[in-house]
Amino acid sequence: MKTIDVHAHILPQSAVAAHNRGEDWFGTTITKLPNGTPGLLTGDRKSSLGSLDYWLPHKERLPIIDANGIGLQVLSLNPQLIRDHLPAEVAIACTTSVNDELAETVRETPDRFAGLAALPLQDPKAAVRELERAMKDLKLAGCLIGSHVNEVNWDDPSLFPILEAAESLGAFILLHPFNSRIRTPLPRYHMVNLIGNPLETTIAATSLILGGVMDRLPKLKICLSHAGGYLPFAVGRFDHGYKLREEVRKDAAHLPSDYMRRFYYDCITHNDDGFARVVDMVGSDRILLGTDFPADMGLANAVEWLGTQTCLTDADRTAICTSNAARLLNLSPKAGFATTTTL
């Protein structure tokens, strides 16, 4: 069984090279923090990447992922480097560079890596063009999107063409939280990540549901990072609101819980009971192996951990670790898969 990790990030090697030259990278100053990890400053957005492994050339991560039982990693840009708040021309140049780098990595090592495109999301027309190039010319498997686009939710009509194009192209979408909009009450204890990240995913997914986007795009393939954030645990409250209040149900055709199986979810809950709840709610055919490598908040031993989950059968583990992702990403025989069956 060849395991597939759909949630793994890169610090582009072009960014590492810019740091080594003492230059900015598409509007970001990259520093080396006292502990050796990368620090990022983009305008007023300041963040850090919590692992030394971000500096590694992509192929040099192979011994690490081998040790964690990962056969193929699906690479995507680290979300802190999404350029959604910069001028569109900067984002276009950046995403072109990132996607060319991803495509080169996949071409060189197709049995170990696949790629998800970065997009200039603040310019929907340019984003659609880049997604088409990424899927058709670069042979990437889909795209990464943030939980919002410069604080605009994904039910906004201006962003619909991006999702519409993704559905038409059969692109796999990894929806990832970033740049939490809830910061004032979360100043300490890493709460901006512990609480803010799952909340961002929940806001994004709920906007897609209640905004009617999932009704309009029934074949959209979206994976919610970190097992859907709070969505699997709060959806009962959303159902209650849908039944009670007109403003909740005015754009969505069904109860929020009816959309749970329209999404896919990675396995990152860090908790056995929470994972069992997600499996019970959506089924093992909607769950994918994800590690968030190389983030310190990731799930480094995901394959081993899934092997201990008593809520899963052997068939469930095969689906989660391999066959679900192989189907969704249309992985080719070059990547070590026998079929390219689509949904």
C-alpha atoms as a PDB file:
ATOM      1  CA  MET A   1       0.000   0.000   0.000  1.00  0.00           C
ATOM      2  CA  LYS A   2       1.539   3.304  -1.097  1.00  0.00           C
ATOM      3  CA  THR A   3       0.455   6.013   1.315  1.00  0.00           C
ATOM      4  CA  ILE A   4      -0.409   9.505   0.055  1.00  0.00           C
ATOM      5  CA  ASP A   5      -0.064  12.623   2.194  1.00  0.00           C
ATOM      6  CA  VAL A   6      -2.339  15.301   0.717  1.00  0.00           C
ATOM      7  CA  HIS A   7      -1.352  18.017   3.195  1.00  0.00           C
ATOM      8  CA  ALA A   8       2.356  18.892   3.038  1.00  0.00           C
ATOM      9  CA  HIS A   9       3.881  22.329   2.565  1.00  0.00           C
ATOM     10  CA  ILE A  10       6.999  23.892   1.091  1.00  0.00           C
ATOM     11  CA  LEU A  11       9.047  26.988   1.580  1.00  0.00           C
ATOM     12  CA  PRO A  12       9.958  27.438  -2.095  1.00  0.00           C
ATOM     13  CA  GLN A  13      13.620  26.994  -2.892  1.00  0.00           C
ATOM     14  CA  SER A  14      13.450  30.319  -4.722  1.00  0.00           C
ATOM     15  CA  ALA A  15      12.576  31.851  -1.334  1.00  0.00           C
ATOM     16  CA  VAL A  16      15.492  30.085   0.343  1.00  0.00           C
ATOM     17  CA  ALA A  17      17.791  31.393  -2.400  1.00  0.00           C
ATOM     18  CA  ALA A  18      16.462  34.933  -1.947  1.00  0.00           C
ATOM     19  CA  HIS A  19      17.129  34.688   1.797  1.00  0.00           C
ATOM     20  CA  ASN A  20      20.671  33.491   1.136  1.00  0.00           C
ATOM     21  CA  ARG A  21      21.228  36.506  -1.133  1.00  0.00           C
ATOM     22  CA  GLY A  22      19.776  38.891   1.451  1.00  0.00           C
ATOM     23  CA  GLU A  23      16.884  39.793  -0.859  1.00  0.00           C
ATOM     24  CA  ASP A  24      13.124  39.908  -0.398  1.00  0.00           C
ATOM     25  CA  TRP A  25      11.004  37.233  -2.056  1.00  0.00           C
ATOM     26  CA  PHE A  26       7.919  38.656  -3.816  1.00  0.00           C
ATOM     27  CA  GLY A  27       7.269  41.116  -1.002  1.00  0.00           C
ATOM     28  CA  THR A  28       8.372  38.925   1.913  1.00  0.00           C
ATOM     29  CA  THR A  29      11.483  39.350   3.997  1.00  0.00           C
ATOM     30  CA  ILE A  30      12.696  35.905   5.096  1.00  0.00           C
ATOM     31  CA  THR A  31      14.916  35.732   8.161  1.00  0.00           C
ATOM     32  CA  LYS A  32      16.466  32.979  10.224  1.00  0.00           C
ATOM     33  CA  LEU A  33      15.114  33.152  13.767  1.00  0.00           C
ATOM     34  CA  PRO A  34      17.292  32.443  16.824  1.00  0.00           C
ATOM     35  CA  ASN A  35      16.150  28.806  16.830  1.00  0.00           C
ATOM     36  CA  GLY A  36      17.068  28.495  13.153  1.00  0.00           C
ATOM     37  CA  THR A  37      13.531  28.328  11.742  1.00  0.00           C
ATOM     38  CA  PRO A  38      12.285  30.713   9.024  1.00  0.00           C
ATOM     39  CA  GLY A  39      10.670  34.010   9.972  1.00  0.00           C
ATOM     40  CA  LEU A  40       8.387  35.789   7.489  1.00  0.00           C
ATOM     41  CA  LEU A  41       7.478  39.462   7.264  1.00  0.00           C
ATOM     42  CA  THR A  42       5.086  40.546   4.503  1.00  0.00           C
ATOM     43  CA  GLY A  43       3.899  44.113   5.005  1.00  0.00           C
ATOM     44  CA  ASP A  44       2.213  44.019   8.415  1.00  0.00           C
ATOM     45  CA  ARG A  45       1.846  40.222   8.382  1.00  0.00           C
ATOM     46  CA  LYS A  46       4.466  38.630  10.604  1.00  0.00           C
ATOM     47  CA  SER A  47       4.740  34.888  11.119  1.00  0.00           C
ATOM     48  CA  SER A  48       7.198  32.069  11.602  1.00  0.00           C
ATOM     49  CA  LEU A  49       7.527  28.511  10.327  1.00  0.00           C
ATOM     50  CA  GLY A  50       8.033  26.086  13.180  1.00  0.00           C
ATOM     51  CA  SER A  51      10.510  23.612  11.727  1.00  0.00           C
ATOM     52  CA  LEU A  52      14.065  23.586  10.420  1.00  0.00           C
ATOM     53  CA  ASP A  53      12.895  21.169   7.705  1.00  0.00           C
ATOM     54  CA  TYR A  54      11.328  24.049   5.751  1.00  0.00           C
ATOM     55  CA  TRP A  55      14.826  24.995   4.574  1.00  0.00           C
ATOM     56  CA  LEU A  56      15.419  21.585   2.980  1.00  0.00           C
ATOM     57  CA  PRO A  57      15.371  21.093  -0.793  1.00  0.00           C
ATOM     58  CA  HIS A  58      12.285  19.050  -1.527  1.00  0.00           C
ATOM     59  CA  LYS A  59      14.143  15.833  -2.333  1.00  0.00           C
ATOM     60  CA  GLU A  60      16.050  16.026   0.940  1.00  0.00           C
ATOM     61  CA  ARG A  61      12.816  15.553   2.861  1.00  0.00           C
ATOM     62  CA  LEU A  62      12.459  12.040   1.452  1.00  0.00           C
ATOM     63  CA  PRO A  63      14.358  10.234   4.264  1.00  0.00           C
ATOM     64  CA  ILE A  64      12.139  11.998   6.805  1.00  0.00           C
ATOM     65  CA  ILE A  65       8.873  11.103   5.139  1.00  0.00           C
ATOM     66  CA  ASP A  66      10.161   7.562   4.509  1.00  0.00           C
ATOM     67  CA  ALA A  67      10.696   7.218   8.248  1.00  0.00           C
ATOM     68  CA  ASN A  68       7.084   8.296   8.767  1.00  0.00           C
ATOM     69  CA  GLY A  69       5.676   5.796   6.275  1.00  0.00           C
ATOM     70  CA  ILE A  70       4.729   8.288   3.545  1.00  0.00           C
ATOM     71  CA  GLY A  71       4.982   7.052  -0.038  1.00  0.00           C
ATOM     72  CA  LEU A  72       3.929  10.186  -1.918  1.00  0.00           C
ATOM     73  CA  GLN A  73       3.611  13.780  -0.728  1.00  0.00           C
ATOM     74  CA  VAL A  74       1.269  16.305  -2.328  1.00  0.00           C
ATOM     75  CA  LEU A  75       3.205  19.562  -2.037  1.00  0.00           C
ATOM     76  CA  SER A  76       1.641  22.998  -1.620  1.00  0.00           C
ATOM     77  CA  LEU A  77       2.902  26.466  -0.786  1.00  0.00           C
ATOM     78  CA  ASN A  78       3.028  27.247   2.901  1.00  0.00           C
ATOM     79  CA  PRO A  79      -0.173  29.269   3.496  1.00  0.00           C
ATOM     80  CA  GLN A  80       1.660  32.147   5.202  1.00  0.00           C
ATOM     81  CA  LEU A  81       3.102  32.907   1.760  1.00  0.00           C
ATOM     82  CA  ILE A  82      -0.250  33.377   0.021  1.00  0.00           C
ATOM     83  CA  ARG A  83      -0.038  36.837  -1.612  1.00  0.00           C
ATOM     84  CA  ASP A  84      -3.721  37.768  -1.376  1.00  0.00           C
ATOM     85  CA  HIS A  85      -3.174  41.243   0.103  1.00  0.00           C
ATOM     86  CA  LEU A  86      -0.378  42.374  -2.238  1.00  0.00           C
ATOM     87  CA  PRO A  87      -0.729  43.935  -5.699  1.00  0.00           C
ATOM     88  CA  ALA A  88      -2.014  41.414  -8.219  1.00  0.00           C
ATOM     89  CA  GLU A  89       1.102  41.660 -10.374  1.00  0.00           C
ATOM     90  CA  VAL A  90       3.222  40.530  -7.401  1.00  0.00           C
ATOM     91  CA  ALA A  91       0.904  37.596  -6.737  1.00  0.00           C
ATOM     92  CA  ILE A  92       0.886  36.586 -10.408  1.00  0.00           C
ATOM     93  CA  ALA A  93       4.679  36.600 -10.625  1.00  0.00           C
ATOM     94  CA  CYS A  94       4.961  34.724  -7.325  1.00  0.00           C
ATOM     95  CA  THR A  95       2.458  31.978  -8.117  1.00  0.00           C
ATOM     96  CA  THR A  96       3.944  31.449 -11.573  1.00  0.00           C
ATOM     97  CA  SER A  97       7.359  30.920  -9.991  1.00  0.00           C
ATOM     98  CA  VAL A  98       6.030  28.627  -7.260  1.00  0.00           C
ATOM     99  CA  ASN A  99       4.032  26.487  -9.675  1.00  0.00           C
ATOM    100  CA  ASP A 100       6.942  26.124 -12.082  1.00  0.00           C
ATOM    101  CA  GLU A 101       9.078  24.942  -9.152  1.00  0.00           C
ATOM    102  CA  LEU A 102       6.415  22.476  -8.015  1.00  0.00           C
ATOM    103  CA  ALA A 103       6.020  21.123 -11.545  1.00  0.00           C
ATOM    104  CA  GLU A 104       9.778  20.613 -11.882  1.00  0.00           C
ATOM    105  CA  THR A 105       9.880  18.697  -8.594  1.00  0.00           C
ATOM    106  CA  VAL A 106       7.004  16.464  -9.703  1.00  0.00           C
ATOM    107  CA  ARG A 107       8.569  15.846 -13.125  1.00  0.00           C
ATOM    108  CA  GLU A 108      11.866  14.841 -11.533  1.00  0.00           C
ATOM    109  CA  THR A 109      10.315  12.549  -8.905  1.00  0.00           C
ATOM    110  CA  PRO A 110       6.776  11.608 -10.006  1.00  0.00           C
ATOM    111  CA  ASP A 111       6.718   8.508  -7.815  1.00  0.00           C
ATOM    112  CA  ARG A 112       7.221  10.581  -4.635  1.00  0.00           C
ATOM    113  CA  PHE A 113       5.640  13.989  -5.220  1.00  0.00           C
ATOM    114  CA  ALA A 114       2.502  15.592  -6.647  1.00  0.00           C
ATOM    115  CA  GLY A 115       1.702  19.282  -6.494  1.00  0.00           C
ATOM    116  CA  LEU A 116      -1.098  21.750  -5.735  1.00  0.00           C
ATOM    117  CA  ALA A 117      -0.881  25.117  -7.450  1.00  0.00           C
ATOM    118  CA  ALA A 118      -0.704  28.490  -5.737  1.00  0.00           C
ATOM    119  CA  LEU A 119      -3.063  31.070  -7.256  1.00  0.00           C
ATOM    120  CA  PRO A 120      -3.236  34.899  -7.379  1.00  0.00           C
ATOM    121  CA  LEU A 121      -6.593  34.811  -5.607  1.00  0.00           C
ATOM    122  CA  GLN A 122      -7.156  38.571  -5.428  1.00  0.00           C
ATOM    123  CA  ASP A 123      -7.439  38.591  -9.233  1.00  0.00           C
ATOM    124  CA  PRO A 124     -10.013  35.894 -10.070  1.00  0.00           C
ATOM    125  CA  LYS A 125      -9.432  36.082 -13.833  1.00  0.00           C
ATOM    126  CA  ALA A 126      -5.690  35.648 -13.359  1.00  0.00           C
ATOM    127  CA  ALA A 127      -6.333  32.879 -10.817  1.00  0.00           C
ATOM    128  CA  VAL A 128      -8.452  30.962 -13.336  1.00  0.00           C
ATOM    129  CA  ARG A 129      -5.761  31.361 -16.009  1.00  0.00           C
ATOM    130  CA  GLU A 130      -3.069  30.107 -13.638  1.00  0.00           C
ATOM    131  CA  LEU A 131      -5.185  27.158 -12.506  1.00  0.00           C
ATOM    132  CA  GLU A 132      -5.771  26.197 -16.133  1.00  0.00           C
ATOM    133  CA  ARG A 133      -2.024  26.422 -16.816  1.00  0.00           C
ATOM    134  CA  ALA A 134      -1.235  24.435 -13.689  1.00  0.00           C
ATOM    135  CA  MET A 135      -3.661  21.638 -14.533  1.00  0.00           C
ATOM    136  CA  LYS A 136      -3.235  21.450 -18.295  1.00  0.00           C
ATOM    137  CA  ASP A 137       0.403  22.409 -18.898  1.00  0.00           C
ATOM    138  CA  LEU A 138       2.179  21.756 -15.607  1.00  0.00           C
ATOM    139  CA  LYS A 139       0.160  18.619 -14.751  1.00  0.00           C
ATOM    140  CA  LEU A 140      -0.409  19.631 -11.148  1.00  0.00           C
ATOM    141  CA  ALA A 141      -3.261  17.959  -9.288  1.00  0.00           C
ATOM    142  CA  GLY A 142      -5.223  20.964  -8.076  1.00  0.00           C
ATOM    143  CA  CYS A 143      -4.690  24.023  -5.924  1.00  0.00           C
ATOM    144  CA  LEU A 144      -4.285  25.382  -2.422  1.00  0.00           C
ATOM    145  CA  ILE A 145      -6.624  28.147  -1.259  1.00  0.00           C
ATOM    146  CA  GLY A 146      -6.682  30.076   2.001  1.00  0.00           C
ATOM    147  CA  SER A 147      -9.702  30.263   4.265  1.00  0.00           C
ATOM    148  CA  HIS A 148     -10.361  33.782   2.972  1.00  0.00           C
ATOM    149  CA  VAL A 149      -9.018  36.118   0.305  1.00  0.00           C
ATOM    150  CA  ASN A 150      -7.803  39.271   2.002  1.00  0.00           C
ATOM    151  CA  GLU A 151     -10.643  38.824   4.547  1.00  0.00           C
ATOM    152  CA  VAL A 152     -13.305  38.095   1.893  1.00  0.00           C
ATOM    153  CA  ASN A 153     -15.174  34.802   2.444  1.00  0.00           C
ATOM    154  CA  TRP A 154     -15.546  32.180  -0.281  1.00  0.00           C
ATOM    155  CA  ASP A 155     -19.281  32.770  -0.752  1.00  0.00           C
ATOM    156  CA  ASP A 156     -18.495  36.193  -2.250  1.00  0.00           C
ATOM    157  CA  PRO A 157     -19.648  36.290  -5.893  1.00  0.00           C
ATOM    158  CA  SER A 158     -16.302  37.719  -7.012  1.00  0.00           C
ATOM    159  CA  LEU A 159     -14.543  34.483  -6.048  1.00  0.00           C
ATOM    160  CA  PHE A 160     -17.064  32.085  -7.578  1.00  0.00           C
ATOM    161  CA  PRO A 161     -15.267  31.868 -10.978  1.00  0.00           C
ATOM    162  CA  ILE A 162     -12.218  30.350  -9.267  1.00  0.00           C
ATOM    163  CA  LEU A 163     -14.248  27.556  -7.715  1.00  0.00           C
ATOM    164  CA  GLU A 164     -16.267  27.114 -10.900  1.00  0.00           C
ATOM    165  CA  ALA A 165     -13.061  26.641 -12.883  1.00  0.00           C
ATOM    166  CA  ALA A 166     -11.760  24.179 -10.293  1.00  0.00           C
ATOM    167  CA  GLU A 167     -14.887  22.075 -10.664  1.00  0.00           C
ATOM    168  CA  SER A 168     -14.698  22.188 -14.452  1.00  0.00           C
ATOM    169  CA  LEU A 169     -11.023  21.177 -14.453  1.00  0.00           C
ATOM    170  CA  GLY A 170     -11.506  18.423 -11.878  1.00  0.00           C
ATOM    171  CA  ALA A 171      -9.025  20.146  -9.582  1.00  0.00           C
ATOM    172  CA  PHE A 172      -8.522  18.924  -6.038  1.00  0.00           C
ATOM    173  CA  ILE A 173      -8.665  21.860  -3.591  1.00  0.00           C
ATOM    174  CA  LEU A 174      -6.909  21.919  -0.244  1.00  0.00           C
ATOM    175  CA  LEU A 175      -8.635  24.606   1.823  1.00  0.00           C
ATOM    176  CA  HIS A 176      -6.231  25.763   4.517  1.00  0.00           C
ATOM    177  CA  PRO A 177      -6.587  28.314   7.331  1.00  0.00           C
ATOM    178  CA  PHE A 178      -4.242  31.264   7.301  1.00  0.00           C
ATOM    179  CA  ASN A 179      -3.852  34.781   8.679  1.00  0.00           C
ATOM    180  CA  SER A 180      -6.477  34.362  11.378  1.00  0.00           C
ATOM    181  CA  ARG A 181      -8.933  37.240  11.483  1.00  0.00           C
ATOM    182  CA  ILE A 182      -9.522  36.675  15.211  1.00  0.00           C
ATOM    183  CA  ARG A 183      -6.352  38.005  16.834  1.00  0.00           C
ATOM    184  CA  THR A 184      -7.227  40.569  19.511  1.00  0.00           C
ATOM    185  CA  PRO A 185      -8.556  38.029  22.059  1.00  0.00           C
ATOM    186  CA  LEU A 186      -5.830  35.489  21.193  1.00  0.00           C
ATOM    187  CA  PRO A 187      -2.576  37.302  21.992  1.00  0.00           C
ATOM    188  CA  ARG A 188      -0.801  34.559  23.942  1.00  0.00           C
ATOM    189  CA  TYR A 189      -0.315  30.825  24.351  1.00  0.00           C
ATOM    190  CA  HIS A 190      -0.243  30.239  20.552  1.00  0.00           C
ATOM    191  CA  MET A 191      -4.042  30.543  20.640  1.00  0.00           C
ATOM    192  CA  VAL A 192      -4.011  32.268  17.252  1.00  0.00           C
ATOM    193  CA  ASN A 193      -3.098  28.815  15.910  1.00  0.00           C
ATOM    194  CA  LEU A 194      -4.758  26.526  18.463  1.00  0.00           C
ATOM    195  CA  ILE A 195      -8.128  28.308  18.227  1.00  0.00           C
ATOM    196  CA  GLY A 196      -7.772  30.633  15.253  1.00  0.00           C
ATOM    197  CA  ASN A 197      -6.832  28.041  12.636  1.00  0.00           C
ATOM    198  CA  PRO A 198      -9.751  25.636  13.236  1.00  0.00           C
ATOM    199  CA  LEU A 199     -12.072  28.635  13.399  1.00  0.00           C
ATOM    200  CA  GLU A 200     -10.850  29.898  10.020  1.00  0.00           C
ATOM    201  CA  THR A 201     -11.581  26.518   8.405  1.00  0.00           C
ATOM    202  CA  THR A 202     -15.032  26.470  10.010  1.00  0.00           C
ATOM    203  CA  ILE A 203     -15.857  29.956   8.726  1.00  0.00           C
ATOM    204  CA  ALA A 204     -14.744  29.050   5.204  1.00  0.00           C
ATOM    205  CA  ALA A 205     -16.704  25.794   5.055  1.00  0.00           C
ATOM    206  CA  THR A 206     -19.829  27.352   6.565  1.00  0.00           C
ATOM    207  CA  SER A 207     -19.689  30.200   4.049  1.00  0.00           C
ATOM    208  CA  LEU A 208     -19.555  27.678   1.207  1.00  0.00           C
ATOM    209  CA  ILE A 209     -22.533  25.806   2.641  1.00  0.00           C
ATOM    210  CA  LEU A 210     -24.823  28.658   3.666  1.00  0.00           C
ATOM    211  CA  GLY A 211     -23.833  30.769   0.673  1.00  0.00           C
ATOM    212  CA  GLY A 212     -25.191  28.118  -1.695  1.00  0.00           C
ATOM    213  CA  VAL A 213     -21.815  27.498  -3.348  1.00  0.00           C
ATOM    214  CA  MET A 214     -21.918  23.766  -2.671  1.00  0.00           C
ATOM    215  CA  ASP A 215     -25.374  23.618  -4.291  1.00  0.00           C
ATOM    216  CA  ARG A 216     -24.161  25.399  -7.411  1.00  0.00           C
ATOM    217  CA  LEU A 217     -20.989  23.297  -7.746  1.00  0.00           C
ATOM    218  CA  PRO A 218     -22.003  19.727  -6.921  1.00  0.00           C
ATOM    219  CA  LYS A 219     -18.767  18.159  -8.253  1.00  0.00           C
ATOM    220  CA  LEU A 220     -16.371  20.444  -6.407  1.00  0.00           C
ATOM    221  CA  LYS A 221     -13.593  18.496  -4.657  1.00  0.00           C
ATOM    222  CA  ILE A 222     -12.611  20.392  -1.478  1.00  0.00           C
ATOM    223  CA  CYS A 223     -10.578  18.940   1.376  1.00  0.00           C
ATOM    224  CA  LEU A 224     -10.902  20.793   4.667  1.00  0.00           C
ATOM    225  CA  SER A 225      -7.636  20.973   6.580  1.00  0.00           C
ATOM    226  CA  HIS A 226      -7.355  19.778  10.170  1.00  0.00           C
ATOM    227  CA  ALA A 227     -10.392  17.509   9.835  1.00  0.00           C
ATOM    228  CA  GLY A 228     -12.746  20.406   9.165  1.00  0.00           C
ATOM    229  CA  GLY A 229     -11.879  22.498  12.196  1.00  0.00           C
ATOM    230  CA  TYR A 230     -14.931  22.891  14.431  1.00  0.00           C
ATOM    231  CA  LEU A 231     -17.432  22.063  11.687  1.00  0.00           C
ATOM    232  CA  PRO A 232     -18.038  18.387  12.626  1.00  0.00           C
ATOM    233  CA  PHE A 233     -18.634  19.401  16.241  1.00  0.00           C
ATOM    234  CA  ALA A 234     -20.743  22.540  15.649  1.00  0.00           C
ATOM    235  CA  VAL A 235     -22.936  21.417  12.753  1.00  0.00           C
ATOM    236  CA  GLY A 236     -25.826  20.531  15.059  1.00  0.00           C
ATOM    237  CA  ARG A 237     -26.008  24.149  16.129  1.00  0.00           C
ATOM    238  CA  PHE A 238     -25.924  25.212  12.486  1.00  0.00           C
ATOM    239  CA  ASP A 239     -28.833  22.870  11.734  1.00  0.00           C
ATOM    240  CA  HIS A 240     -30.810  24.367  14.596  1.00  0.00           C
ATOM    241  CA  GLY A 241     -30.190  27.863  13.271  1.00  0.00           C
ATOM    242  CA  TYR A 242     -31.163  26.762   9.752  1.00  0.00           C
ATOM    243  CA  LYS A 243     -34.542  25.538  11.009  1.00  0.00           C
ATOM    244  CA  LEU A 244     -35.137  28.603  13.148  1.00  0.00           C
ATOM    245  CA  ARG A 245     -33.856  31.620  11.213  1.00  0.00           C
ATOM    246  CA  GLU A 246     -34.545  32.763   7.674  1.00  0.00           C
ATOM    247  CA  GLU A 247     -31.150  34.449   7.213  1.00  0.00           C
ATOM    248  CA  VAL A 248     -29.410  31.119   7.827  1.00  0.00           C
ATOM    249  CA  ARG A 249     -31.399  29.098   5.298  1.00  0.00           C
ATOM    250  CA  LYS A 250     -32.122  31.666   2.581  1.00  0.00           C
ATOM    251  CA  ASP A 251     -29.292  30.607   0.214  1.00  0.00           C
ATOM    252  CA  ALA A 252     -28.710  26.932   1.055  1.00  0.00           C
ATOM    253  CA  ALA A 253     -31.101  24.259  -0.179  1.00  0.00           C
ATOM    254  CA  HIS A 254     -30.519  21.779   2.651  1.00  0.00           C
ATOM    255  CA  LEU A 255     -29.585  21.489   6.299  1.00  0.00           C
ATOM    256  CA  PRO A 256     -25.899  22.190   6.945  1.00  0.00           C
ATOM    257  CA  SER A 257     -25.400  18.602   8.111  1.00  0.00           C
ATOM    258  CA  ASP A 258     -26.552  17.378   4.698  1.00  0.00           C
ATOM    259  CA  TYR A 259     -23.403  18.928   3.193  1.00  0.00           C
ATOM    260  CA  MET A 260     -20.909  17.223   5.486  1.00  0.00           C
ATOM    261  CA  ARG A 261     -20.227  14.433   2.988  1.00  0.00           C
ATOM    262  CA  ARG A 262     -19.782  16.963   0.191  1.00  0.00           C
ATOM    263  CA  PHE A 263     -16.375  17.813   1.661  1.00  0.00           C
ATOM    264  CA  TYR A 264     -13.269  15.756   2.228  1.00  0.00           C
ATOM    265  CA  TYR A 265     -11.270  15.969   5.441  1.00  0.00           C
ATOM    266  CA  ASP A 266      -7.679  15.271   6.354  1.00  0.00           C
ATOM    267  CA  CYS A 267      -7.070  13.171   9.449  1.00  0.00           C
ATOM    268  CA  ILE A 268      -5.388  15.799  11.633  1.00  0.00           C
ATOM    269  CA  THR A 269      -7.371  15.892  14.882  1.00  0.00           C
ATOM    270  CA  HIS A 270      -4.550  14.943  17.320  1.00  0.00           C
ATOM    271  CA  ASN A 271      -7.253  13.139  19.264  1.00  0.00           C
ATOM    272  CA  ASP A 272      -8.717   9.644  18.977  1.00  0.00           C
ATOM    273  CA  ASP A 273     -12.239  10.565  20.069  1.00  0.00           C
ATOM    274  CA  GLY A 274     -12.369  13.573  17.754  1.00  0.00           C
ATOM    275  CA  PHE A 275     -11.188  11.478  14.829  1.00  0.00           C
ATOM    276  CA  ALA A 276     -13.786   8.806  15.567  1.00  0.00           C
ATOM    277  CA  ARG A 277     -16.460  11.528  15.556  1.00  0.00           C
ATOM    278  CA  VAL A 278     -15.426  12.695  12.085  1.00  0.00           C
ATOM    279  CA  VAL A 279     -15.307   9.118  10.744  1.00  0.00           C
ATOM    280  CA  ASP A 280     -18.749   8.382  12.169  1.00  0.00           C
ATOM    281  CA  MET A 281     -20.191  11.568  10.673  1.00  0.00           C
ATOM    282  CA  VAL A 282     -18.771  11.478   7.134  1.00  0.00           C
ATOM    283  CA  GLY A 283     -17.410   7.957   6.572  1.00  0.00           C
ATOM    284  CA  SER A 284     -13.911   6.729   5.790  1.00  0.00           C
ATOM    285  CA  ASP A 285     -14.416   7.390   2.057  1.00  0.00           C
ATOM    286  CA  ARG A 286     -14.315  11.155   2.762  1.00  0.00           C
ATOM    287  CA  ILE A 287     -11.144  11.183   4.853  1.00  0.00           C
ATOM    288  CA  LEU A 288      -7.580  11.553   3.572  1.00  0.00           C
ATOM    289  CA  LEU A 289      -4.167  11.084   5.096  1.00  0.00           C
ATOM    290  CA  GLY A 290      -2.631  14.461   5.914  1.00  0.00           C
ATOM    291  CA  THR A 291       0.354  15.416   8.035  1.00  0.00           C
ATOM    292  CA  ASP A 292       0.863  19.193   7.623  1.00  0.00           C
ATOM    293  CA  PHE A 293       4.563  18.391   7.143  1.00  0.00           C
ATOM    294  CA  PRO A 294       6.886  19.964   8.125  1.00  0.00           C
ATOM    295  CA  ALA A 295       4.895  22.151  10.542  1.00  0.00           C
ATOM    296  CA  ASP A 296       5.476  21.611  14.247  1.00  0.00           C
ATOM    297  CA  MET A 297       1.685  21.492  14.659  1.00  0.00           C
ATOM    298  CA  GLY A 298       1.474  18.664  12.135  1.00  0.00           C
ATOM    299  CA  LEU A 299       0.947  14.933  12.619  1.00  0.00           C
ATOM    300  CA  ALA A 300       4.375  13.420  12.076  1.00  0.00           C
ATOM    301  CA  ASN A 301       3.377   9.819  12.827  1.00  0.00           C
ATOM    302  CA  ALA A 302       0.087   9.860  10.930  1.00  0.00           C
ATOM    303  CA  VAL A 303       0.357   6.384   9.362  1.00  0.00           C
ATOM    304  CA  GLU A 304       1.290   4.775  12.654  1.00  0.00           C
ATOM    305  CA  TRP A 305      -1.435   6.702  14.453  1.00  0.00           C
ATOM    306  CA  LEU A 306      -4.108   5.659  11.945  1.00  0.00           C
ATOM    307  CA  GLY A 307      -3.042   2.073  12.544  1.00  0.00           C
ATOM    308  CA  THR A 308      -4.088   2.411  16.191  1.00  0.00           C
ATOM    309  CA  GLN A 309      -7.563   3.824  15.514  1.00  0.00           C
ATOM    310  CA  THR A 310     -10.077   1.204  16.599  1.00  0.00           C
ATOM    311  CA  CYS A 311     -12.882   2.940  14.688  1.00  0.00           C
ATOM    312  CA  LEU A 312     -11.230   1.880  11.407  1.00  0.00           C
ATOM    313  CA  THR A 313     -11.161  -1.432   9.568  1.00  0.00           C
ATOM    314  CA  ASP A 314      -8.226  -2.442   7.383  1.00  0.00           C
ATOM    315  CA  ALA A 315     -10.307  -1.436   4.361  1.00  0.00           C
ATOM    316  CA  ASP A 316     -10.924   1.973   5.952  1.00  0.00           C
ATOM    317  CA  ARG A 317      -7.178   2.482   6.456  1.00  0.00           C
ATOM    318  CA  THR A 318      -6.451   1.593   2.851  1.00  0.00           C
ATOM    319  CA  ALA A 319      -9.071   4.083   1.689  1.00  0.00           C
ATOM    320  CA  ILE A 320      -7.784   6.877   3.940  1.00  0.00           C
ATOM    321  CA  CYS A 321      -4.100   6.291   3.303  1.00  0.00           C
ATOM    322  CA  THR A 322      -4.191   5.512  -0.417  1.00  0.00           C
ATOM    323  CA  SER A 323      -7.242   4.935  -2.579  1.00  0.00           C
ATOM    324  CA  ASN A 324      -9.312   8.021  -1.696  1.00  0.00           C
ATOM    325  CA  ALA A 325      -6.476  10.371  -2.627  1.00  0.00           C
ATOM    326  CA  ALA A 326      -5.394   8.386  -5.688  1.00  0.00           C
ATOM    327  CA  ARG A 327      -8.921   8.728  -7.049  1.00  0.00           C
ATOM    328  CA  LEU A 328      -9.389  12.390  -6.172  1.00  0.00           C
ATOM    329  CA  LEU A 329      -6.020  13.512  -7.499  1.00  0.00           C
ATOM    330  CA  ASN A 330      -6.181  11.340 -10.640  1.00  0.00           C
ATOM    331  CA  LEU A 331      -2.702  10.038  -9.883  1.00  0.00           C
ATOM    332  CA  SER A 332      -1.035   8.435 -12.869  1.00  0.00           C
ATOM    333  CA  PRO A 333       0.838   5.133 -13.256  1.00  0.00           C
ATOM    334  CA  LYS A 334       4.104   7.164 -13.136  1.00  0.00           C
ATOM    335  CA  ALA A 335       3.288   7.896  -9.505  1.00  0.00           C
ATOM    336  CA  GLY A 336       2.915   4.177  -8.811  1.00  0.00           C
ATOM    337  CA  PHE A 337      -0.848   3.832  -9.159  1.00  0.00           C
ATOM    338  CA  ALA A 338      -2.535   1.446 -11.551  1.00  0.00           C
ATOM    339  CA  THR A 339      -5.616   3.487 -12.404  1.00  0.00           C
ATOM    340  CA  THR A 340      -6.701   7.095 -12.881  1.00  0.00           C
ATOM    341  CA  THR A 341     -10.357   6.557 -12.077  1.00  0.00           C
ATOM    342  CA  THR A 342     -12.203   9.797 -11.360  1.00  0.00           C
ATOM    343  CA  LEU A 343     -15.238  10.395  -9.175  1.00  0.00           C
END
